[in-house]
Amino acid sequence: MNERYTSSAEKPKLKVAIYARVSTEEQTTENQIPALQEFVDRAGWKVVKVYSEEASAWRAGRQKELKKLLTQASYHDYDIILVWSLDRLTRQGIGSIMQLVSTFKNYGCRVVSLQESWTQQGDGMMDDLLYAIFAWVAKFESERRSERIKAAIARKKARGEPIGRLKGAKDVKKRKRTGYLLRYADRRK
């Protein structure tokens, strides 16, 4: 930031991109975005764009909004990338989070997390270590959840119970016309 500004009224507001992500369609980013917006307002920053998506952080290529965010950040459109928590960016481990944070840093953006307050302090000597620890925890938590789901499926199989959607079950809410539904519709034409 340029030191020639003398009062806070003269300083330009930091430009913020909010990135909100949930893993499943049953969840909603509407729980994250208002809290992130409130944080921005308290800090005196300016939200330039909100990126919101429902996509797994495990499957490569699924996070289309994150790709858009990276592209816009490369044009130096943002000073800060604000997330609910670091695991919203990725759960793929230390290498992935370090690569993302480093890429954003190269684009002139700082990654700030609402839940991990140490990211709000700015550049510290311990940041790389803390990013690595939080990335490891996120990956570990995700793997444990996966193990519990696999154990539940194995238990159901052993009991002879049906796994997955029951035959003849109807959707409670209308499905989105994305992904496999669109590809299936295209094949039928």
C-alpha atoms as a PDB file:
ATOM      1  CA  MET A   1       0.000   0.000   0.000  1.00  0.00           C
ATOM      2  CA  ASN A   2       1.319   3.445  -0.853  1.00  0.00           C
ATOM      3  CA  GLU A   3       2.381   5.575   2.136  1.00  0.00           C
ATOM      4  CA  ARG A   4       1.384   8.913   0.561  1.00  0.00           C
ATOM      5  CA  TYR A   5      -2.165   8.607   1.915  1.00  0.00           C
ATOM      6  CA  THR A   6      -2.468  10.403   5.228  1.00  0.00           C
ATOM      7  CA  SER A   7      -5.988   9.674   6.399  1.00  0.00           C
ATOM      8  CA  SER A   8      -8.100   6.538   6.236  1.00  0.00           C
ATOM      9  CA  ALA A   9     -10.695   8.469   4.212  1.00  0.00           C
ATOM     10  CA  GLU A  10      -8.136   8.970   1.419  1.00  0.00           C
ATOM     11  CA  LYS A  11      -6.969   5.364   1.294  1.00  0.00           C
ATOM     12  CA  PRO A  12      -8.511   3.296  -1.455  1.00  0.00           C
ATOM     13  CA  LYS A  13     -10.534   0.360  -0.181  1.00  0.00           C
ATOM     14  CA  LEU A  14      -8.958  -3.045  -0.604  1.00  0.00           C
ATOM     15  CA  LYS A  15     -10.674  -5.024  -3.361  1.00  0.00           C
ATOM     16  CA  VAL A  16     -11.995  -8.367  -2.139  1.00  0.00           C
ATOM     17  CA  ALA A  17     -13.162 -11.487  -3.931  1.00  0.00           C
ATOM     18  CA  ILE A  18     -15.302 -13.770  -1.784  1.00  0.00           C
ATOM     19  CA  TYR A  19     -15.018 -17.487  -2.523  1.00  0.00           C
ATOM     20  CA  ALA A  20     -17.698 -19.705  -0.960  1.00  0.00           C
ATOM     21  CA  ARG A  21     -17.946 -23.455  -1.558  1.00  0.00           C
ATOM     22  CA  VAL A  22     -19.997 -26.343  -0.258  1.00  0.00           C
ATOM     23  CA  SER A  23     -19.462 -29.981  -1.134  1.00  0.00           C
ATOM     24  CA  THR A  24     -22.985 -31.183  -1.798  1.00  0.00           C
ATOM     25  CA  GLU A  25     -26.232 -29.892  -3.241  1.00  0.00           C
ATOM     26  CA  GLU A  26     -27.914 -30.389   0.156  1.00  0.00           C
ATOM     27  CA  GLN A  27     -25.704 -27.626   1.572  1.00  0.00           C
ATOM     28  CA  THR A  28     -25.771 -23.956   0.642  1.00  0.00           C
ATOM     29  CA  THR A  29     -23.231 -21.160   0.428  1.00  0.00           C
ATOM     30  CA  GLU A  30     -25.936 -18.824   1.757  1.00  0.00           C
ATOM     31  CA  ASN A  31     -24.640 -19.600   5.254  1.00  0.00           C
ATOM     32  CA  GLN A  32     -21.131 -18.399   4.388  1.00  0.00           C
ATOM     33  CA  ILE A  33     -21.663 -15.337   2.184  1.00  0.00           C
ATOM     34  CA  PRO A  34     -23.498 -13.021   4.667  1.00  0.00           C
ATOM     35  CA  ALA A  35     -20.869 -13.603   7.357  1.00  0.00           C
ATOM     36  CA  LEU A  36     -18.075 -12.970   4.859  1.00  0.00           C
ATOM     37  CA  GLN A  37     -19.803  -9.814   3.619  1.00  0.00           C
ATOM     38  CA  GLU A  38     -20.191  -8.585   7.205  1.00  0.00           C
ATOM     39  CA  PHE A  39     -16.475  -9.199   7.809  1.00  0.00           C
ATOM     40  CA  VAL A  40     -15.624  -7.155   4.695  1.00  0.00           C
ATOM     41  CA  ASP A  41     -17.884  -4.302   5.829  1.00  0.00           C
ATOM     42  CA  ARG A  42     -16.289  -4.226   9.312  1.00  0.00           C
ATOM     43  CA  ALA A  43     -12.806  -4.173   7.779  1.00  0.00           C
ATOM     44  CA  GLY A  44     -13.732  -1.289   5.476  1.00  0.00           C
ATOM     45  CA  TRP A  45     -12.943  -3.264   2.328  1.00  0.00           C
ATOM     46  CA  LYS A  46     -14.937  -3.505  -0.910  1.00  0.00           C
ATOM     47  CA  VAL A  47     -16.371  -6.729  -2.372  1.00  0.00           C
ATOM     48  CA  VAL A  48     -15.690  -6.783  -6.091  1.00  0.00           C
ATOM     49  CA  LYS A  49     -17.100 -10.238  -6.854  1.00  0.00           C
ATOM     50  CA  VAL A  50     -18.560 -13.265  -5.097  1.00  0.00           C
ATOM     51  CA  TYR A  51     -17.662 -16.730  -6.379  1.00  0.00           C
ATOM     52  CA  SER A  52     -20.030 -19.404  -5.134  1.00  0.00           C
ATOM     53  CA  GLU A  53     -20.149 -23.085  -5.998  1.00  0.00           C
ATOM     54  CA  GLU A  54     -21.338 -26.514  -4.992  1.00  0.00           C
ATOM     55  CA  ALA A  55     -18.443 -28.788  -5.828  1.00  0.00           C
ATOM     56  CA  SER A  56     -16.208 -31.301  -4.156  1.00  0.00           C
ATOM     57  CA  ALA A  57     -12.742 -30.018  -3.330  1.00  0.00           C
ATOM     58  CA  TRP A  58     -11.409 -33.519  -3.970  1.00  0.00           C
ATOM     59  CA  ARG A  59     -12.301 -34.048  -7.600  1.00  0.00           C
ATOM     60  CA  ALA A  60      -9.987 -32.222  -9.981  1.00  0.00           C
ATOM     61  CA  GLY A  61     -11.688 -29.975 -12.486  1.00  0.00           C
ATOM     62  CA  ARG A  62     -14.909 -29.642 -10.497  1.00  0.00           C
ATOM     63  CA  GLN A  63     -14.236 -26.235  -8.970  1.00  0.00           C
ATOM     64  CA  LYS A  64     -15.123 -24.078 -11.985  1.00  0.00           C
ATOM     65  CA  GLU A  65     -15.644 -20.926  -9.915  1.00  0.00           C
ATOM     66  CA  LEU A  66     -12.197 -21.343  -8.346  1.00  0.00           C
ATOM     67  CA  LYS A  67     -10.722 -21.477 -11.855  1.00  0.00           C
ATOM     68  CA  LYS A  68     -12.564 -18.255 -12.740  1.00  0.00           C
ATOM     69  CA  LEU A  69     -11.291 -16.672  -9.525  1.00  0.00           C
ATOM     70  CA  LEU A  70      -7.703 -17.655 -10.354  1.00  0.00           C
ATOM     71  CA  THR A  71      -8.060 -16.195 -13.840  1.00  0.00           C
ATOM     72  CA  GLN A  72      -9.433 -12.870 -12.584  1.00  0.00           C
ATOM     73  CA  ALA A  73      -6.825 -12.724  -9.829  1.00  0.00           C
ATOM     74  CA  SER A  74      -4.114 -13.068 -12.484  1.00  0.00           C
ATOM     75  CA  TYR A  75      -5.298  -9.693 -13.846  1.00  0.00           C
ATOM     76  CA  HIS A  76      -4.662  -8.202 -10.382  1.00  0.00           C
ATOM     77  CA  ASP A  77      -8.368  -7.470  -9.903  1.00  0.00           C
ATOM     78  CA  TYR A  78      -8.269  -8.298  -6.168  1.00  0.00           C
ATOM     79  CA  ASP A  79      -6.143  -7.518  -3.149  1.00  0.00           C
ATOM     80  CA  ILE A  80      -7.726 -10.157  -0.898  1.00  0.00           C
ATOM     81  CA  ILE A  81      -9.349 -13.542  -1.446  1.00  0.00           C
ATOM     82  CA  LEU A  82     -11.749 -14.102   1.448  1.00  0.00           C
ATOM     83  CA  VAL A  83     -12.938 -17.613   2.316  1.00  0.00           C
ATOM     84  CA  TRP A  84     -15.003 -19.084   5.144  1.00  0.00           C
ATOM     85  CA  SER A  85     -12.175 -21.479   5.975  1.00  0.00           C
ATOM     86  CA  LEU A  86      -9.092 -22.724   4.158  1.00  0.00           C
ATOM     87  CA  ASP A  87     -10.641 -26.128   3.491  1.00  0.00           C
ATOM     88  CA  ARG A  88     -13.163 -24.360   1.239  1.00  0.00           C
ATOM     89  CA  LEU A  89     -10.298 -23.845  -1.232  1.00  0.00           C
ATOM     90  CA  THR A  90      -9.107 -27.448  -1.250  1.00  0.00           C
ATOM     91  CA  ARG A  91      -8.925 -30.588   0.852  1.00  0.00           C
ATOM     92  CA  GLN A  92      -6.224 -32.203  -1.252  1.00  0.00           C
ATOM     93  CA  GLY A  93      -3.461 -31.586   1.231  1.00  0.00           C
ATOM     94  CA  ILE A  94      -0.426 -29.458   1.868  1.00  0.00           C
ATOM     95  CA  GLY A  95       0.868 -29.263  -1.709  1.00  0.00           C
ATOM     96  CA  SER A  96      -2.449 -28.073  -3.131  1.00  0.00           C
ATOM     97  CA  ILE A  97      -3.110 -25.382  -0.538  1.00  0.00           C
ATOM     98  CA  MET A  98       0.463 -24.119  -0.714  1.00  0.00           C
ATOM     99  CA  GLN A  99       0.244 -23.949  -4.512  1.00  0.00           C
ATOM    100  CA  LEU A 100      -3.044 -22.013  -4.403  1.00  0.00           C
ATOM    101  CA  VAL A 101      -1.856 -19.575  -1.731  1.00  0.00           C
ATOM    102  CA  SER A 102       1.426 -19.065  -3.570  1.00  0.00           C
ATOM    103  CA  THR A 103      -0.375 -18.472  -6.880  1.00  0.00           C
ATOM    104  CA  PHE A 104      -2.663 -15.910  -5.273  1.00  0.00           C
ATOM    105  CA  LYS A 105       0.340 -14.258  -3.619  1.00  0.00           C
ATOM    106  CA  ASN A 106       2.097 -14.041  -7.008  1.00  0.00           C
ATOM    107  CA  TYR A 107      -1.017 -12.305  -8.349  1.00  0.00           C
ATOM    108  CA  GLY A 108      -0.835  -9.752  -5.537  1.00  0.00           C
ATOM    109  CA  CYS A 109      -3.654 -11.293  -3.462  1.00  0.00           C
ATOM    110  CA  ARG A 110      -3.621 -12.326   0.157  1.00  0.00           C
ATOM    111  CA  VAL A 111      -5.785 -15.286   1.191  1.00  0.00           C
ATOM    112  CA  VAL A 112      -7.797 -14.462   4.307  1.00  0.00           C
ATOM    113  CA  SER A 113      -9.964 -16.968   6.162  1.00  0.00           C
ATOM    114  CA  LEU A 114     -12.792 -16.018   8.485  1.00  0.00           C
ATOM    115  CA  GLN A 115     -12.314 -19.146  10.636  1.00  0.00           C
ATOM    116  CA  GLU A 116      -8.500 -19.125  10.750  1.00  0.00           C
ATOM    117  CA  SER A 117      -7.872 -15.712  12.320  1.00  0.00           C
ATOM    118  CA  TRP A 118      -4.092 -15.962  11.922  1.00  0.00           C
ATOM    119  CA  THR A 119      -4.586 -15.359   8.159  1.00  0.00           C
ATOM    120  CA  GLN A 120      -6.101 -11.950   8.947  1.00  0.00           C
ATOM    121  CA  GLN A 121      -2.881 -10.617  10.473  1.00  0.00           C
ATOM    122  CA  GLY A 122      -0.965 -10.325   7.196  1.00  0.00           C
ATOM    123  CA  ASP A 123       2.347 -11.839   6.254  1.00  0.00           C
ATOM    124  CA  GLY A 124       3.913 -13.599   9.178  1.00  0.00           C
ATOM    125  CA  MET A 125       6.918 -15.838   9.404  1.00  0.00           C
ATOM    126  CA  MET A 126       4.769 -18.770  10.523  1.00  0.00           C
ATOM    127  CA  ASP A 127       2.182 -18.526   7.733  1.00  0.00           C
ATOM    128  CA  ASP A 128       3.635 -21.314   5.566  1.00  0.00           C
ATOM    129  CA  LEU A 129       3.787 -23.681   8.526  1.00  0.00           C
ATOM    130  CA  LEU A 130       0.219 -22.861   9.576  1.00  0.00           C
ATOM    131  CA  TYR A 131      -1.095 -23.271   6.012  1.00  0.00           C
ATOM    132  CA  ALA A 132       0.565 -26.690   5.905  1.00  0.00           C
ATOM    133  CA  ILE A 133      -0.920 -27.755   9.253  1.00  0.00           C
ATOM    134  CA  PHE A 134      -4.439 -26.622   8.355  1.00  0.00           C
ATOM    135  CA  ALA A 135      -4.196 -28.296   4.929  1.00  0.00           C
ATOM    136  CA  TRP A 136      -3.103 -31.553   6.570  1.00  0.00           C
ATOM    137  CA  VAL A 137      -5.993 -31.367   9.049  1.00  0.00           C
ATOM    138  CA  ALA A 138      -8.526 -30.737   6.246  1.00  0.00           C
ATOM    139  CA  LYS A 139      -7.235 -33.690   4.223  1.00  0.00           C
ATOM    140  CA  PHE A 140      -7.164 -35.941   7.289  1.00  0.00           C
ATOM    141  CA  GLU A 141     -10.735 -34.983   8.229  1.00  0.00           C
ATOM    142  CA  SER A 142     -11.943 -35.652   4.693  1.00  0.00           C
ATOM    143  CA  GLU A 143     -10.245 -39.059   4.579  1.00  0.00           C
ATOM    144  CA  ARG A 144     -11.759 -40.048   7.939  1.00  0.00           C
ATOM    145  CA  ARG A 145     -15.233 -39.055   6.722  1.00  0.00           C
ATOM    146  CA  SER A 146     -14.671 -41.179   3.614  1.00  0.00           C
ATOM    147  CA  GLU A 147     -13.614 -44.128   5.764  1.00  0.00           C
ATOM    148  CA  ARG A 148     -16.773 -43.819   7.868  1.00  0.00           C
ATOM    149  CA  ILE A 149     -18.951 -43.788   4.746  1.00  0.00           C
ATOM    150  CA  LYS A 150     -17.157 -46.835   3.323  1.00  0.00           C
ATOM    151  CA  ALA A 151     -17.601 -48.646   6.646  1.00  0.00           C
ATOM    152  CA  ALA A 152     -21.338 -47.854   6.636  1.00  0.00           C
ATOM    153  CA  ILE A 153     -21.671 -49.169   3.066  1.00  0.00           C
ATOM    154  CA  ALA A 154     -19.791 -52.351   3.970  1.00  0.00           C
ATOM    155  CA  ARG A 155     -22.035 -52.832   7.023  1.00  0.00           C
ATOM    156  CA  LYS A 156     -25.163 -52.452   4.868  1.00  0.00           C
ATOM    157  CA  LYS A 157     -23.787 -54.925   2.311  1.00  0.00           C
ATOM    158  CA  ALA A 158     -23.036 -57.446   5.053  1.00  0.00           C
ATOM    159  CA  ARG A 159     -26.622 -57.166   6.346  1.00  0.00           C
ATOM    160  CA  GLY A 160     -28.020 -57.477   2.839  1.00  0.00           C
ATOM    161  CA  GLU A 161     -29.575 -54.015   2.980  1.00  0.00           C
ATOM    162  CA  PRO A 162     -29.957 -51.966  -0.190  1.00  0.00           C
ATOM    163  CA  ILE A 163     -27.239 -49.437  -0.902  1.00  0.00           C
ATOM    164  CA  GLY A 164     -27.942 -46.120  -2.550  1.00  0.00           C
ATOM    165  CA  ARG A 165     -31.170 -44.905  -4.001  1.00  0.00           C
ATOM    166  CA  LEU A 166     -34.108 -47.272  -3.617  1.00  0.00           C
ATOM    167  CA  LYS A 167     -35.757 -48.478  -6.805  1.00  0.00           C
ATOM    168  CA  GLY A 168     -38.701 -46.233  -7.696  1.00  0.00           C
ATOM    169  CA  ALA A 169     -37.626 -43.419  -5.366  1.00  0.00           C
ATOM    170  CA  LYS A 170     -38.626 -39.929  -6.480  1.00  0.00           C
ATOM    171  CA  ASP A 171     -36.663 -36.697  -6.108  1.00  0.00           C
ATOM    172  CA  VAL A 172     -37.843 -34.402  -3.357  1.00  0.00           C
ATOM    173  CA  LYS A 173     -36.691 -31.343  -5.289  1.00  0.00           C
ATOM    174  CA  LYS A 174     -36.118 -30.929  -8.997  1.00  0.00           C
ATOM    175  CA  ARG A 175     -32.618 -31.818 -10.160  1.00  0.00           C
ATOM    176  CA  LYS A 176     -30.392 -29.270 -11.780  1.00  0.00           C
ATOM    177  CA  ARG A 177     -29.837 -29.701 -15.499  1.00  0.00           C
ATOM    178  CA  THR A 178     -26.064 -29.894 -15.273  1.00  0.00           C
ATOM    179  CA  GLY A 179     -23.373 -32.509 -15.539  1.00  0.00           C
ATOM    180  CA  TYR A 180     -24.457 -36.006 -16.328  1.00  0.00           C
ATOM    181  CA  LEU A 181     -28.098 -35.077 -16.917  1.00  0.00           C
ATOM    182  CA  LEU A 182     -27.123 -32.762 -19.770  1.00  0.00           C
ATOM    183  CA  ARG A 183     -24.697 -35.311 -21.231  1.00  0.00           C
ATOM    184  CA  TYR A 184     -27.394 -38.000 -21.002  1.00  0.00           C
ATOM    185  CA  ALA A 185     -29.942 -35.730 -22.714  1.00  0.00           C
ATOM    186  CA  ASP A 186     -27.455 -34.967 -25.512  1.00  0.00           C
ATOM    187  CA  ARG A 187     -26.884 -38.693 -26.167  1.00  0.00           C
ATOM    188  CA  ARG A 188     -30.594 -39.348 -26.483  1.00  0.00           C
ATOM    189  CA  LYS A 189     -31.049 -36.785 -29.279  1.00  0.00           C
END
